[in-house]
C-alpha cells in the first residue's frame, strides 16, 4: 500500500479541521426588490469575523467579509426570482440576518399580468386582501418614484386595474408595488414603454446663470464626478453659484453635459 507524504497528510488534516469548524445558515425565498443585511460578529478567539463565505443560488458572492455588518446584494435578479442564500461561518459564533422577511412570501397574492400602453398601466391580480395598497412606480433618474396610490376596497378572487400615465420621451420603466395590511410587499415585474412624443430639450450648454428646459421636468444637477448637487422640478435651474467647470444635468430619463462659465 502506498503511503501518503507528510505534506499530503497535513493538507488533509487542515481541510478536515476547517470543515469541522464551519457551520451554515440557509435562507430560501423570493427576491422582492430588497437586499439582505447581516450582522457579522467576531470569532470567539477575536482573530477575525465570523462569516467565511456567502453563496446565492450556488454562486459565491462574498468571501470572508471583513466588517461587522454587510449587505447581500440581490439586485441582479429579476423581481420574483427564487433565491437560496447560504452563509458559511465559523464554529462558536453566528451571523445574524436582520431582515430575512424581505424574501419571505407568506401570501396567496400574485400578479397575473402587467402591461402598459400609450395612455395607461394595466394589471390583473389574484389573492388580494381588503385594505391592501398598490403603488404605481416609475424609474426616474435611476430612482423609483411613486405616481399613484390605490387602496383595495373590495376583495375578489381576481381584480383588474388601470391607471393613466404621462410618459416621458424615450424609454419609460414602471412597476407595481403591492403591500398587504400585514406589511408583506410584492413587486410586479418591471415593464417598459418607449414614447415618441416631442423631446424635452435644455439650453444653453455654456451656462452663466441659468439652464432652461422646453417643458416642466424633474431634473438633477451633477458634478463632474456624477455627485448630486441639486434636484427639483421646473422649466429653469439657477446654477449661478456653481464654480467654473464641466457638469451634468439629468432629466427626462437621460443625462447630458454642460459647461459652467
Protein backbone atom coordinates (compact mmCIF):
# COMPACT_ATOMS: atom_id res chain seq x y z
CA UNK A 1 0.00 0.00 0.00
CA UNK A 2 1.32 3.44 -0.99
CA UNK A 3 1.87 5.77 1.95
CA UNK A 4 0.81 9.41 1.65
CA UNK A 5 3.51 12.06 2.07
CA UNK A 6 3.63 14.15 5.28
CA UNK A 7 2.59 17.24 3.27
CA UNK A 8 -0.50 15.48 1.87
CA UNK A 9 -1.46 14.30 5.34
CA UNK A 10 -1.04 17.84 6.71
CA UNK A 11 -3.25 19.31 3.97
CA UNK A 12 -5.88 16.66 4.61
CA UNK A 13 -5.77 17.38 8.34
CA UNK A 14 -6.18 21.12 7.77
CA UNK A 15 -9.08 20.57 5.38
CA UNK A 16 -10.89 18.32 7.84
CA UNK A 17 -10.15 20.84 10.58
CA UNK A 18 -11.72 23.67 8.59
CA UNK A 19 -14.76 21.64 7.59
CA UNK A 20 -15.41 20.54 11.16
CA UNK A 21 -15.27 24.12 12.34
CA UNK A 22 -17.60 25.58 9.70
CA UNK A 23 -21.35 25.87 10.01
CA UNK A 24 -24.01 27.23 7.70
CA UNK A 25 -27.13 29.39 7.71
CA UNK A 26 -29.52 28.70 4.83
CA UNK A 27 -32.26 31.07 3.68
CA UNK A 28 -34.76 30.46 0.91
CA UNK A 29 -37.36 32.79 -0.53
CA UNK A 30 -38.19 35.08 -3.43
CA UNK A 31 -36.41 38.31 -4.42
CA UNK A 32 -38.85 41.19 -3.95
CA UNK A 33 -36.63 44.20 -4.65
CA UNK A 34 -34.83 44.34 -1.28
CA UNK A 35 -31.31 43.22 -0.29
CA UNK A 36 -30.40 41.17 2.79
CA UNK A 37 -28.43 42.75 5.65
CA UNK A 38 -26.34 40.70 8.09
CA UNK A 39 -24.60 41.46 11.39
CA UNK A 40 -21.19 39.78 11.42
CA UNK A 41 -19.69 39.23 14.92
CA UNK A 42 -16.06 38.43 15.69
CA UNK A 43 -14.95 34.82 16.05
CA UNK A 44 -14.58 33.52 19.60
CA UNK A 45 -10.79 33.92 19.51
CA UNK A 46 -11.15 37.50 18.18
CA UNK A 47 -8.89 36.62 15.22
CA UNK A 48 -11.36 37.78 12.60
CA UNK A 49 -15.02 37.98 11.67
CA UNK A 50 -17.45 35.08 11.79
CA UNK A 51 -18.61 34.80 8.16
CA UNK A 52 -16.36 32.79 5.86
CA UNK A 53 -18.37 32.97 2.63
CA UNK A 54 -21.81 33.80 1.22
CA UNK A 55 -23.43 31.96 -1.70
CA UNK A 56 -26.55 32.98 -3.65
CA UNK A 57 -28.12 30.30 -5.83
CA UNK A 58 -24.86 28.34 -5.71
CA UNK A 59 -22.58 31.26 -6.68
CA UNK A 60 -20.14 32.75 -4.18
CA UNK A 61 -20.89 36.47 -3.81
CA UNK A 62 -18.85 37.31 -0.69
CA UNK A 63 -15.57 35.85 0.56
CA UNK A 64 -14.61 36.38 4.21
CA UNK A 65 -16.20 39.85 4.60
CA UNK A 66 -14.02 41.85 6.99
CA UNK A 67 -16.72 44.02 8.54
CA UNK A 68 -19.11 43.93 11.48
CA UNK A 69 -22.06 44.06 9.05
CA UNK A 70 -22.54 43.53 5.33
CA UNK A 71 -25.13 43.55 2.56
CA UNK A 72 -26.06 40.63 0.31
CA UNK A 73 -26.89 42.31 -2.99
CA UNK A 74 -29.66 40.54 -4.91
CA UNK A 75 -30.41 43.31 -7.41
CA UNK A 76 -29.02 41.40 -10.40
CA UNK A 77 -32.01 39.03 -10.19
CA UNK A 78 -35.41 39.85 -11.74
CA UNK A 79 -38.24 40.51 -9.30
CA UNK A 80 -39.95 37.29 -8.12
CA UNK A 81 -36.85 35.13 -8.73
CA UNK A 82 -36.49 32.27 -6.19
CA UNK A 83 -33.26 32.67 -4.17
CA UNK A 84 -31.28 30.35 -1.91
CA UNK A 85 -28.73 32.06 0.34
CA UNK A 86 -26.05 30.11 2.22
CA UNK A 87 -23.94 31.88 4.86
CA UNK A 88 -20.93 29.72 5.81
CA UNK A 89 -19.48 30.76 9.18
CA UNK A 90 -17.02 29.67 11.87
CA UNK A 91 -17.99 27.48 14.80
CA UNK A 92 -18.72 29.21 18.10
CA UNK A 93 -20.21 32.35 16.53
CA UNK A 94 -23.25 33.05 14.35
CA UNK A 95 -24.06 35.88 11.94
CA UNK A 96 -27.48 37.50 12.46
CA UNK A 97 -29.72 38.09 9.44
CA UNK A 98 -31.51 41.41 10.10
CA UNK A 99 -34.29 41.35 7.51
CA UNK A 100 -34.97 37.80 6.35
CA UNK A 101 -38.62 38.79 5.93
CA UNK A 102 -37.83 40.68 2.69
CA UNK A 103 -37.55 37.36 0.81
CA UNK A 104 -40.33 35.59 2.69
CA UNK A 105 -43.55 35.04 0.77
CA UNK A 106 -46.46 34.29 3.09
CA UNK A 107 -49.38 35.22 0.88
CA UNK A 108 -51.63 33.82 -1.83
CA UNK A 109 -51.37 37.09 -3.76
CA UNK A 110 -49.78 37.17 -7.21
CA UNK A 111 -49.68 39.33 -10.32
CA UNK A 112 -51.31 37.57 -13.27
CA UNK A 113 -50.43 40.18 -15.89
CA UNK A 114 -48.94 43.68 -16.12
CA UNK A 115 -48.74 45.81 -19.26
CA UNK A 116 -48.50 49.42 -20.38
CA UNK A 117 -49.81 51.24 -23.46
CA UNK A 118 -49.67 54.84 -24.67
CA UNK A 119 -52.14 56.03 -22.01
CA UNK A 120 -52.42 53.53 -19.15
CA UNK A 121 -50.71 50.95 -16.96
CA UNK A 122 -52.92 47.87 -16.61
CA UNK A 123 -52.61 44.91 -14.28
CA UNK A 124 -54.58 41.88 -13.14
CA UNK A 125 -54.07 40.08 -9.82
CA UNK A 126 -55.50 37.33 -7.69
CA UNK A 127 -55.47 36.64 -3.96
CA UNK A 128 -55.55 40.28 -2.80
CA UNK A 129 -56.99 41.19 0.61
CA UNK A 130 -59.08 44.10 1.86
CA UNK A 131 -57.16 47.30 2.68
CA UNK A 132 -54.06 46.22 0.78
CA UNK A 133 -52.44 49.02 -1.24
CA UNK A 134 -50.98 49.37 -4.74
CA UNK A 135 -48.22 51.85 -5.57
CA UNK A 136 -47.61 52.63 -9.24
CA UNK A 137 -43.90 53.50 -9.53
CA UNK A 138 -41.76 54.92 -12.34
CA UNK A 139 -37.97 54.83 -12.66
CA UNK A 140 -36.90 58.49 -12.84
CA UNK A 141 -33.19 59.36 -12.96
CA UNK A 142 -32.37 55.87 -11.57
CA UNK A 143 -34.77 56.27 -8.61
CA UNK A 144 -38.21 54.70 -8.18
CA UNK A 145 -40.80 57.48 -7.87
CA UNK A 146 -44.38 56.93 -6.73
CA UNK A 147 -47.00 58.06 -9.27
CA UNK A 148 -50.27 56.77 -7.84
CA UNK A 149 -51.65 55.00 -4.74
CA UNK A 150 -54.69 52.71 -4.84
CA UNK A 151 -56.33 51.04 -1.82
CA UNK A 152 -58.29 47.81 -2.29
CA UNK A 153 -61.88 48.29 -1.19
CA UNK A 154 -63.49 45.03 -2.34
CA UNK A 155 -61.99 41.57 -2.11
CA UNK A 156 -62.49 39.27 -5.11
CA UNK A 157 -60.74 36.20 -6.47
CA UNK A 158 -59.29 38.28 -9.32
CA UNK A 159 -59.22 42.01 -9.95
CA UNK A 160 -58.03 44.25 -12.78
CA UNK A 161 -56.82 47.83 -12.56
CA UNK A 162 -55.91 50.61 -14.98
CA UNK A 163 -54.10 53.86 -14.14
CA UNK A 164 -53.46 56.71 -16.62
CA UNK A 165 -49.81 57.75 -17.03
CA UNK A 166 -47.99 60.56 -18.80
CA UNK A 167 -44.89 59.12 -20.47
CA UNK A 168 -41.60 60.96 -20.83
CA UNK A 169 -39.84 60.98 -24.17
CA UNK A 170 -37.87 57.79 -24.85
CA UNK A 171 -37.79 54.72 -22.61
CA UNK A 172 -40.13 54.68 -19.60
CA UNK A 173 -39.87 51.95 -16.94
CA UNK A 174 -42.63 51.12 -14.45
CA UNK A 175 -43.53 48.59 -11.77
CA UNK A 176 -46.41 47.96 -9.36
CA UNK A 177 -45.75 47.53 -5.63
CA UNK A 178 -48.41 45.67 -3.66
CA UNK A 179 -48.41 46.00 0.13
CA UNK A 180 -50.75 43.95 2.30
CA UNK A 181 -52.12 45.08 5.65
CA UNK A 182 -49.60 42.78 7.35
CA UNK A 183 -46.75 44.72 5.73
CA UNK A 184 -45.89 42.00 3.18
CA UNK A 185 -44.64 43.62 -0.06
CA UNK A 186 -44.66 42.03 -3.51
CA UNK A 187 -43.46 43.75 -6.68
CA UNK A 188 -44.59 43.12 -10.21
CA UNK A 189 -42.06 42.60 -12.96
CA UNK A 190 -40.77 45.84 -14.49
CA UNK A 191 -42.41 46.94 -17.74
CA UNK A 192 -41.24 49.48 -20.31
CA UNK A 193 -42.79 51.78 -22.87
CA UNK A 194 -40.95 53.86 -25.48
CA UNK A 195 -42.62 57.22 -26.15
CA UNK A 196 -42.07 59.23 -29.31
CA UNK A 197 -43.76 62.47 -28.21
CA UNK A 198 -41.85 65.77 -28.56
CA UNK A 199 -38.45 65.61 -26.86
CA UNK A 200 -37.70 68.00 -23.98
CA UNK A 201 -34.51 69.98 -24.60
CA UNK A 202 -32.30 72.23 -22.46
CA UNK A 203 -30.18 75.29 -23.22
CA UNK A 204 -27.62 76.83 -23.17
CA UNK A 205 -24.76 74.33 -22.97
CA UNK A 206 -22.32 77.09 -21.99
CA UNK A 207 -24.06 78.50 -18.92
CA UNK A 208 -23.53 81.70 -16.96
CA UNK A 209 -26.57 81.85 -14.68
CA UNK A 210 -29.50 79.56 -15.62
CA UNK A 211 -30.36 76.39 -17.51
CA UNK A 212 -33.73 76.37 -19.31
CA UNK A 213 -35.92 73.44 -20.33
CA UNK A 214 -38.57 73.43 -23.06
CA UNK A 215 -41.08 71.83 -20.63
CA UNK A 216 -41.51 71.18 -16.92
CA UNK A 217 -39.28 68.24 -15.94
CA UNK A 218 -37.78 66.52 -12.91
CA UNK A 219 -34.07 67.33 -13.03
CA UNK A 220 -30.80 66.69 -11.19
CA UNK A 221 -27.58 68.68 -11.45
CA UNK A 222 -24.47 66.51 -11.06
CA UNK A 223 -20.79 67.32 -10.60
CA UNK A 224 -18.09 66.17 -13.00
CA UNK A 225 -17.72 63.11 -10.68
CA UNK A 226 -21.50 62.45 -11.05
CA UNK A 227 -22.26 63.51 -7.44
CA UNK A 228 -25.67 65.09 -6.86
CA UNK A 229 -25.55 68.87 -6.34
CA UNK A 230 -29.21 69.86 -6.56
CA UNK A 231 -32.54 68.50 -7.78
CA UNK A 232 -36.04 69.77 -8.41
CA UNK A 233 -38.81 70.21 -10.96
CA UNK A 234 -39.45 73.10 -13.32
CA UNK A 235 -38.50 74.82 -16.57
CA UNK A 236 -35.33 76.52 -15.32
CA UNK A 237 -32.46 75.95 -12.88
CA UNK A 238 -30.29 78.61 -11.24
CA UNK A 239 -26.64 77.49 -11.48
CA UNK A 240 -25.04 80.90 -10.89
CA UNK A 241 -23.35 79.75 -7.67
CA UNK A 242 -21.53 76.83 -9.31
CA UNK A 243 -17.80 77.11 -9.91
CA UNK A 244 -16.47 77.06 -13.44
CA UNK A 245 -16.18 73.58 -14.94
CA UNK A 246 -18.00 70.64 -16.52
CA UNK A 247 -21.31 69.46 -15.02
CA UNK A 248 -24.15 67.11 -15.96
CA UNK A 249 -27.92 67.56 -16.00
CA UNK A 250 -30.22 64.52 -15.73
CA UNK A 251 -33.80 64.96 -16.97
CA UNK A 252 -36.41 63.13 -18.99
CA UNK A 253 -34.58 59.81 -18.41
CA UNK A 254 -31.30 60.97 -19.96
CA UNK A 255 -28.11 62.74 -18.84
CA UNK A 256 -26.34 65.49 -20.79
CA UNK A 257 -23.25 67.63 -20.22
CA UNK A 258 -22.91 71.42 -19.87
CA UNK A 259 -20.14 73.89 -19.13
CA UNK A 260 -20.44 76.49 -16.34
CA UNK A 261 -18.58 79.62 -17.44
